[in-house]
Protein backbone atom coordinates (compact mmCIF):
# COMPACT_ATOMS: atom_id res chain seq x y z
CA MET A 1 0.00 0.00 0.00
CA THR A 2 1.19 3.53 -0.81
CA ILE A 3 0.00 6.44 1.36
CA ILE A 4 0.42 9.97 0.03
CA SER A 5 0.03 12.81 2.51
CA HIS A 6 1.34 16.15 3.73
CA THR A 7 2.24 14.62 7.11
CA GLU A 8 5.24 16.33 8.68
CA HIS A 9 8.38 14.18 8.98
CA TYR A 10 11.73 15.05 10.49
CA LYS A 11 15.25 13.61 10.63
CA ASN A 12 16.78 12.98 14.03
CA SER A 13 20.44 13.70 14.74
CA ASP A 14 21.18 10.00 14.22
CA GLY A 15 19.55 10.07 10.78
CA SER A 16 16.38 8.19 11.79
CA ILE A 17 13.02 9.43 10.52
CA VAL A 18 10.11 10.38 12.76
CA GLY A 19 6.72 11.78 11.83
CA LEU A 20 3.52 13.29 13.20
CA GLY A 21 2.60 10.91 16.00
CA SER A 22 -1.10 10.42 15.23
CA THR A 23 -0.51 9.49 11.58
CA VAL A 24 2.57 7.35 12.26
CA THR A 25 0.67 5.36 14.90
CA GLU A 26 -2.22 4.79 12.48
CA ILE A 27 0.19 3.57 9.79
CA ASN A 28 2.01 1.26 12.21
CA HIS A 29 -1.33 -0.46 12.84
CA LEU A 30 -2.05 -0.77 9.10
CA LEU A 31 0.57 -3.56 8.95
CA GLU A 32 -2.14 -5.74 10.47
CA ILE A 33 -3.82 -5.78 7.05
CA PHE A 34 -1.05 -4.81 4.59
CA ASP A 35 2.23 -6.63 3.96
CA MET A 36 4.11 -3.37 3.41
CA VAL A 37 3.43 0.36 3.42
CA ILE A 38 5.19 3.13 1.52
CA HIS A 39 4.47 6.56 2.97
CA VAL A 40 5.17 9.45 0.60
CA ALA A 41 5.10 12.59 2.72
CA MET A 42 6.88 15.83 3.50
CA LEU A 43 10.30 16.02 5.13
CA HIS A 44 10.95 19.19 7.13
CA ASP A 45 14.40 20.55 7.86
CA SER A 46 13.82 21.32 11.53
CA VAL A 47 14.05 19.76 14.98
CA PRO A 48 11.31 17.15 15.52
CA PRO A 49 8.76 17.90 18.26
CA PRO A 50 8.33 15.43 21.16
CA SER A 51 5.04 14.31 19.62
CA ALA A 52 6.84 12.88 16.57
CA LEU A 53 7.20 9.10 16.52
CA PRO A 54 9.21 6.51 14.57
CA TYR A 55 7.79 3.73 12.44
CA LEU A 56 7.93 0.41 14.25
CA SER A 57 8.71 -1.91 11.34
CA ASP A 58 11.09 -2.07 8.39
CA LYS A 59 8.03 -3.03 6.34
CA ILE A 60 7.17 0.68 6.35
CA THR A 61 9.23 2.82 3.97
CA PHE A 62 9.26 6.60 4.10
CA VAL A 63 9.72 8.47 0.80
CA ALA A 64 10.41 12.17 1.19
CA LEU A 65 8.61 14.98 -0.58
CA PRO A 66 9.78 18.60 -0.33
CA ALA A 67 7.99 20.45 2.46
CA VAL A 68 5.73 22.74 0.46
CA GLY A 69 2.66 24.68 1.52
CA GLY A 70 1.86 27.81 3.46
CA THR A 71 -0.03 31.06 3.22
CA SER A 72 2.37 33.35 1.38
CA ILE A 73 2.51 33.75 -2.41
CA ASN A 74 5.99 32.19 -2.47
CA ASP A 75 4.68 29.21 -0.49
CA LYS A 76 1.86 28.68 -2.96
CA MET A 77 4.15 29.09 -5.97
CA ALA A 78 6.49 26.42 -4.55
CA ILE A 79 3.58 23.96 -4.67
CA VAL A 80 3.30 24.62 -8.41
CA PHE A 81 7.01 24.77 -9.28
CA LYS A 82 7.77 21.50 -7.51
CA ALA A 83 4.77 19.67 -9.00
CA PRO A 84 6.79 17.65 -11.60
CA HIS A 85 9.16 16.31 -8.94
CA ILE A 86 6.32 15.58 -6.51
CA LEU A 87 4.20 13.78 -9.11
CA ASN A 88 7.15 11.73 -10.35
CA THR A 89 7.98 10.64 -6.79
CA ILE A 90 4.35 9.67 -6.18
CA ARG A 91 4.13 7.80 -9.51
CA LYS A 92 7.13 5.61 -8.67
CA ALA A 93 5.81 4.78 -5.20
CA VAL A 94 2.28 3.97 -6.39
CA GLU A 95 3.67 1.59 -9.03
CA GLU A 96 5.32 -0.50 -6.30
CA THR A 97 2.13 -1.42 -4.43
CA ASP A 98 -1.39 -2.73 -5.06
CA TYR A 99 -3.30 0.10 -3.41
CA PHE A 100 -2.94 3.79 -2.71
CA GLN A 101 -4.49 6.12 -0.17
CA PHE A 102 -4.35 9.88 -0.68
CA ARG A 103 -5.03 12.09 2.32
CA ALA A 104 -6.85 15.30 1.52
CA PRO A 105 -7.27 18.21 1.66
CA THR A 106 -3.77 19.54 1.16
CA GLY A 107 -2.06 22.00 -1.16
CA ILE A 108 -0.60 19.36 -3.48
CA GLY A 109 -4.05 17.78 -3.77
CA VAL A 110 -4.98 20.22 -6.54
CA TYR A 111 -2.83 18.19 -8.95
CA VAL A 112 -2.26 14.86 -7.14
CA ILE A 113 -5.99 14.06 -7.01
CA PRO A 114 -6.47 14.65 -10.79
CA TYR A 115 -3.35 12.56 -11.45
CA LEU A 116 -4.67 9.64 -9.40
CA ILE A 117 -8.17 9.91 -10.86
CA PHE A 118 -7.25 10.20 -14.53
CA LEU A 119 -3.75 8.74 -14.91
CA SER A 120 -3.45 5.94 -12.36
CA LYS A 121 -5.08 2.55 -12.86
CA LYS A 122 -4.15 1.35 -9.39
CA LYS A 123 -6.84 0.50 -6.88
CA GLY A 124 -7.11 2.94 -4.04
CA TRP A 125 -9.15 5.41 -2.06
CA PHE A 126 -9.09 8.95 -0.74
CA LYS A 127 -9.24 9.96 2.90
CA TYR A 128 -10.78 13.41 3.35
CA ALA A 129 -9.78 14.35 6.89
CA GLY A 130 -11.14 17.90 6.91
CA ASN A 131 -14.60 19.36 7.34
CA TRP A 132 -16.64 17.79 4.54
CA LYS A 133 -19.29 20.50 4.87
CA GLN A 134 -17.03 23.51 5.29
CA GLN A 135 -18.88 26.53 3.94
CA ASN A 136 -15.99 28.94 3.45
CA ALA A 137 -13.25 26.56 2.36
CA THR A 138 -10.37 27.87 0.28
CA MET A 139 -10.63 27.55 -3.48
CA ALA A 140 -8.05 24.75 -3.44
CA TYR A 141 -9.91 22.75 -0.79
CA SER A 142 -13.29 23.30 -2.45
CA PHE A 143 -11.83 22.11 -5.75
CA GLN A 144 -10.49 18.91 -4.16
CA ARG A 145 -13.81 18.16 -2.50
CA TRP A 146 -15.64 18.77 -5.80
CA LEU A 147 -13.28 16.39 -7.63
CA LEU A 148 -13.80 13.67 -5.05
CA LYS A 149 -17.56 13.95 -5.43
CA GLN A 150 -17.31 13.45 -9.21
CA GLN A 151 -15.02 10.39 -9.37
CA LYS A 152 -15.85 6.76 -8.49
CA ARG A 153 -13.18 5.57 -6.05
CA THR A 154 -14.09 5.36 -2.35
CA VAL A 155 -13.72 8.52 -0.29
CA THR A 156 -13.74 8.20 3.50
CA ILE A 157 -15.13 11.28 5.22
CA ASN A 158 -15.99 12.62 8.67
CA GLY A 159 -19.66 12.59 9.59
CA MET A 160 -22.92 11.28 8.18
CA TRP A 161 -24.59 13.51 5.61
CA ASN A 162 -27.90 13.03 3.80
CA ASP A 163 -26.51 14.19 0.47
CA GLN A 164 -23.13 12.45 0.47
CA PRO A 165 -22.41 10.64 -2.83
CA LYS A 166 -22.51 6.83 -2.73
CA GLN A 167 -18.72 6.53 -2.99
CA CYS A 168 -18.31 8.70 0.11
CA LYS A 169 -18.30 6.52 3.22
CA THR A 170 -18.45 7.71 6.81
CA PHE A 171 -15.26 6.58 8.55
CA GLU A 172 -14.09 7.49 12.02
CA ASN A 173 -10.44 8.52 12.46
CA PRO A 174 -8.74 5.82 14.58
CA CYS A 175 -6.83 6.93 17.65
CA LEU A 176 -7.13 4.26 20.36
CA THR A 177 -5.55 0.86 20.96
CA LYS A 178 -7.30 -1.96 22.79
CA ASP A 179 -4.97 -1.46 25.74
CA GLU A 180 -5.73 2.27 25.86
CA ILE A 181 -9.47 1.59 25.85
CA GLU A 182 -9.01 -0.79 28.77
CA LEU A 183 -6.85 1.75 30.62
CA GLY A 184 -9.55 4.34 29.98
CA LYS A 185 -12.15 2.17 31.71
CA GLN A 186 -9.88 1.81 34.73
CA THR A 187 -9.16 5.55 34.77
CA ILE A 188 -12.85 6.47 34.78
CA ALA A 189 -13.59 3.92 37.51
CA ASN A 190 -10.97 5.57 39.75
CA LYS A 191 -11.62 9.19 38.79
CA ILE A 192 -12.66 11.66 41.47
CA PHE A 193 -14.93 14.60 40.67
CA GLN A 194 -14.15 17.31 43.18
CA PHE A 195 -13.23 20.97 43.03
CA PRO A 196 -11.00 22.46 41.84
CA LEU A 197 -11.42 20.72 38.46
CA GLN A 198 -8.78 20.20 35.78
CA PHE A 199 -9.37 21.18 32.13
CA CYS A 200 -7.31 20.76 28.98
CA PHE A 201 -6.94 22.06 25.45
CA VAL A 202 -4.97 20.06 22.86
CA GLY A 203 -4.12 21.52 19.47
CA ARG A 204 -2.49 24.46 17.76
CA LEU A 205 -2.42 27.52 19.99
CA GLU A 206 -4.28 29.93 17.72
CA ALA A 207 -7.56 31.79 17.36
CA ALA A 208 -8.94 29.38 14.75
CA LYS A 209 -8.75 26.54 17.26
CA GLY A 210 -10.56 28.62 19.87
CA LEU A 211 -7.83 29.51 22.34
CA ASP A 212 -8.70 33.22 22.27
CA LEU A 213 -12.31 32.36 23.15
CA ILE A 214 -11.19 30.15 26.02
CA ILE A 215 -9.02 32.89 27.49
CA GLU A 216 -11.76 35.49 27.14
CA ALA A 217 -14.34 33.13 28.65
CA ILE A 218 -12.20 32.24 31.67
CA GLN A 219 -11.46 35.93 32.18
CA SER A 220 -15.23 36.56 32.29
CA LEU A 221 -15.91 34.12 35.12
CA GLU A 222 -16.69 35.36 38.61
CA PRO A 223 -13.99 34.96 41.32
CA GLU A 224 -15.99 32.22 43.06
CA GLU A 225 -16.28 30.36 39.75
CA LEU A 226 -12.53 30.59 39.13
CA LEU A 227 -11.97 28.93 42.50
CA LYS A 228 -13.61 25.83 41.04
CA ILE A 229 -10.90 25.58 38.34
CA GLY A 230 -7.54 24.10 39.24
CA THR A 231 -5.53 24.25 36.01
CA ILE A 232 -6.29 24.55 32.31
CA HIS A 233 -3.59 22.52 30.57
CA LEU A 234 -2.62 23.84 27.13
CA VAL A 235 -0.91 21.21 24.97
CA GLY A 236 0.55 22.38 21.67
CA GLU A 237 2.47 25.22 20.08
CA GLY A 238 1.65 28.21 17.89
CA LYS A 239 3.12 31.37 16.44
CA ARG A 240 1.38 33.51 19.08
CA ILE A 241 2.50 31.50 22.10
CA THR A 242 4.67 34.34 23.49
CA GLU A 243 1.70 36.71 23.21
CA TYR A 244 -0.59 34.19 24.94
CA LYS A 245 1.87 33.61 27.78
CA LYS A 246 2.24 37.33 28.44
CA LYS A 247 -1.51 37.93 28.38
CA ILE A 248 -2.26 35.08 30.75
CA LYS A 249 0.51 36.17 33.12
CA ASP A 250 -0.81 39.75 33.14
CA ILE A 251 -4.36 38.70 34.01
CA ASN A 252 -3.28 35.87 36.34
CA LEU A 253 -5.43 33.04 34.98
CA PRO A 254 -4.91 29.33 35.79
CA PHE A 255 -3.34 28.21 32.50
CA GLU A 256 -0.31 25.94 32.16
CA PHE A 257 1.60 25.73 28.87
CA HIS A 258 3.02 22.29 28.14
CA GLY A 259 4.15 22.77 24.54
CA PHE A 260 4.39 19.65 22.40
CA LEU A 261 4.11 16.43 24.38
CA SER A 262 4.57 12.78 23.55
CA ARG A 263 1.48 10.61 23.06
CA ILE A 264 1.89 9.06 26.51
CA GLU A 265 2.25 12.49 28.13
CA VAL A 266 -0.86 13.82 26.38
CA HIS A 267 -2.84 10.81 27.58
CA ASP A 268 -1.59 11.51 31.11
CA ILE A 269 -3.09 15.02 30.79
CA TYR A 270 -6.42 13.47 29.77
CA ARG A 271 -6.32 11.09 32.72
CA LYS A 272 -6.10 13.91 35.25
CA SER A 273 -8.47 16.30 33.48
CA HIS A 274 -12.24 16.42 33.85
CA ALA A 275 -13.05 18.18 30.57
CA ILE A 276 -11.46 19.10 27.26
CA ILE A 277 -12.40 22.51 25.80
CA LEU A 278 -12.28 22.89 21.99
CA PRO A 279 -14.31 25.84 20.68
CA SER A 280 -12.85 25.50 17.18
CA ALA A 281 -14.36 27.27 14.20
CA SER A 282 -13.80 24.47 11.69
CA GLU A 283 -12.90 20.82 12.16
CA GLY A 284 -13.49 17.39 10.74
CA PHE A 285 -13.74 15.30 13.88
CA PRO A 286 -10.59 15.87 15.97
CA LYS A 287 -9.03 12.66 17.26
CA VAL A 288 -8.29 14.40 20.55
CA ILE A 289 -12.01 14.42 21.40
CA ALA A 290 -12.28 10.62 21.28
CA GLU A 291 -8.93 10.22 23.05
CA ALA A 292 -9.99 12.55 25.86
CA MET A 293 -13.41 10.92 26.26
CA ASN A 294 -11.70 7.57 26.65
CA TYR A 295 -10.18 8.83 29.92
CA GLY A 296 -13.25 10.53 31.37
CA CYS A 297 -12.66 13.98 29.88
CA VAL A 298 -16.04 15.50 29.08
CA PRO A 299 -15.89 17.28 25.70
CA ILE A 300 -16.93 20.93 25.71
CA VAL A 301 -16.81 21.50 21.97
CA SER A 302 -18.14 23.60 19.12
CA ASN A 303 -21.03 22.21 17.11
CA VAL A 304 -19.29 22.31 13.73
CA SER A 305 -18.84 19.73 10.96
CA SER A 306 -19.46 16.20 12.24
CA ILE A 307 -18.73 16.86 15.92
CA GLY A 308 -22.45 16.97 16.76
CA HIS A 309 -22.89 13.55 15.10
CA TYR A 310 -20.96 11.99 17.97
CA ILE A 311 -21.23 14.43 20.87
CA LYS A 312 -24.79 14.67 22.15
CA ASP A 313 -25.45 17.71 24.30
CA ASN A 314 -25.77 16.85 28.00
CA LYS A 315 -25.54 13.13 27.15
CA ASN A 316 -21.83 12.50 26.62
CA GLY A 317 -20.58 16.09 26.42
CA PHE A 318 -21.61 19.68 25.78
CA LEU A 319 -21.98 21.53 22.49
CA ILE A 320 -21.16 25.23 22.26
CA GLU A 321 -23.95 26.43 20.01
CA THR A 322 -22.92 30.10 19.88
CA LEU A 323 -19.25 30.30 19.00
CA ASN A 324 -18.19 33.32 21.02
CA ALA A 325 -16.90 33.96 24.53
CA GLU A 326 -20.44 34.19 25.92
CA GLY A 327 -21.26 30.81 24.42
CA VAL A 328 -18.19 29.24 26.04
CA VAL A 329 -18.94 30.89 29.39
CA LYS A 330 -22.50 29.55 29.35
CA VAL A 331 -21.35 25.94 28.95
CA LEU A 332 -18.47 26.32 31.41
CA ARG A 333 -20.80 27.66 34.09
CA TYR A 334 -23.13 24.73 33.59
CA PHE A 335 -20.23 22.28 33.86
CA LEU A 336 -18.85 23.96 36.98
CA ASN A 337 -22.22 23.44 38.67
CA LEU A 338 -22.48 19.73 37.92
CA HIS A 339 -22.89 17.28 40.76
CA GLN A 340 -20.68 14.22 40.95
CA THR A 341 -23.49 11.92 39.82
CA GLU A 342 -24.17 14.07 36.76
CA TYR A 343 -20.49 14.01 35.78
CA PHE A 344 -20.27 10.23 36.03
CA ASN A 345 -23.48 9.88 34.00
CA LEU A 346 -21.67 11.78 31.23
CA VAL A 347 -18.51 9.65 31.27
CA ASN A 348 -19.96 6.26 32.18
CA LEU A 349 -22.39 5.90 29.30
CA ASP A 350 -22.27 2.55 27.54
CA ASN A 351 -20.78 4.39 24.59
CA LYS A 352 -20.22 1.89 21.80
CA GLU A 353 -19.43 4.86 19.60
CA LEU A 354 -16.03 5.13 21.28
CA ALA A 355 -15.04 1.66 20.05
CA LYS A 356 -15.41 2.97 16.50
CA PHE A 357 -12.26 5.02 17.07
CA SER A 358 -10.08 1.97 17.71
CA TYR A 359 -7.42 0.92 15.22
CA ALA A 360 -8.84 -2.61 15.16
CA PHE A 361 -12.31 -1.39 14.16
CA TYR A 362 -10.84 0.93 11.51
CA ASN A 363 -8.70 -1.81 9.96
CA GLN A 364 -11.63 -4.22 9.84
CA ARG A 365 -13.70 -1.64 7.98
CA ILE A 366 -10.91 -1.07 5.47
CA LYS A 367 -10.82 -4.81 4.80
CA ASP A 368 -14.58 -5.27 4.56
CA GLU A 369 -15.72 -2.05 2.89
CA ILE A 370 -12.78 -1.04 0.71
CA LEU A 371 -10.41 -3.90 -0.08
CA LEU A 372 -13.00 -6.68 -0.43
CA SER A 373 -15.44 -4.44 -2.30
CA ASP A 374 -12.98 -3.62 -5.11
């Protein structure tokens, strides 16, 4: 199998390759159904973050693409100028395997998707990891989504939509092992709901992911409400991190910056937190929501894209219907006034939906609904 993506990879000082932890872990598990995997993805010339992980088998081969993409005109032009090299690299890798998977949306998708649709005879499918119903998507992303609707190969998407084409199949993004699911059950059984409560945010530290709203909402709480909050753990990095740190220090709010953490360390944050706050403006279905829920972290999340298909308000989490500081404050106040029994009703539901985010379930669906259906 050949996977083509924009996943960030890095070279360690010893020459070994590591990549974005969530994607690398998913690919490691794909060896349960594929004899070998070639991953064609972007190699960055920078120090790898702690969240980057190595591949666990020599049956997985990494093939480097130049790290292209960005918001500037020069960034966008690089995507075009390097297209011949990128397409040639992808062509060679695809020819070596029986199947391909292309992960969209991404900048190079504007020409890789047409290449795979019209010029490759290999079996394969597309994984659209973004918001399938995004209203104000960029022209490049809208074009990729339109192309995927017109062609016949399987497209796996987030969410369940009445008007999705027949080749578009609802697939959950895997993020949990069997052992982690078992550890999650034990964690919830031993969790204590008492004030002050612990919260977390996991993702890029930026306005689009909702961090500005969180800060503004916490700042709006009454002193007696703030006493009910122990720490809000911020996991991730962003260009504005210095600005955020200064602002939070000036207004003396209970935030702790952790930067990038390893997978195990992030899961440790979930285990000690009571809720995860993600008031993001646009998402597919973030893996961190399912990961956090596994450890008894109640999701306080925006009702965008497919998030509301899995998070049911006041059943297994809370949906922020109005995406502004007042909307976040409203849900936070409700959560801070929960009784212990109400909290455990939220986290102890017989939630079979969570099992859908396991690697085993994902692999079985690939076998049954993609490989065997070709």
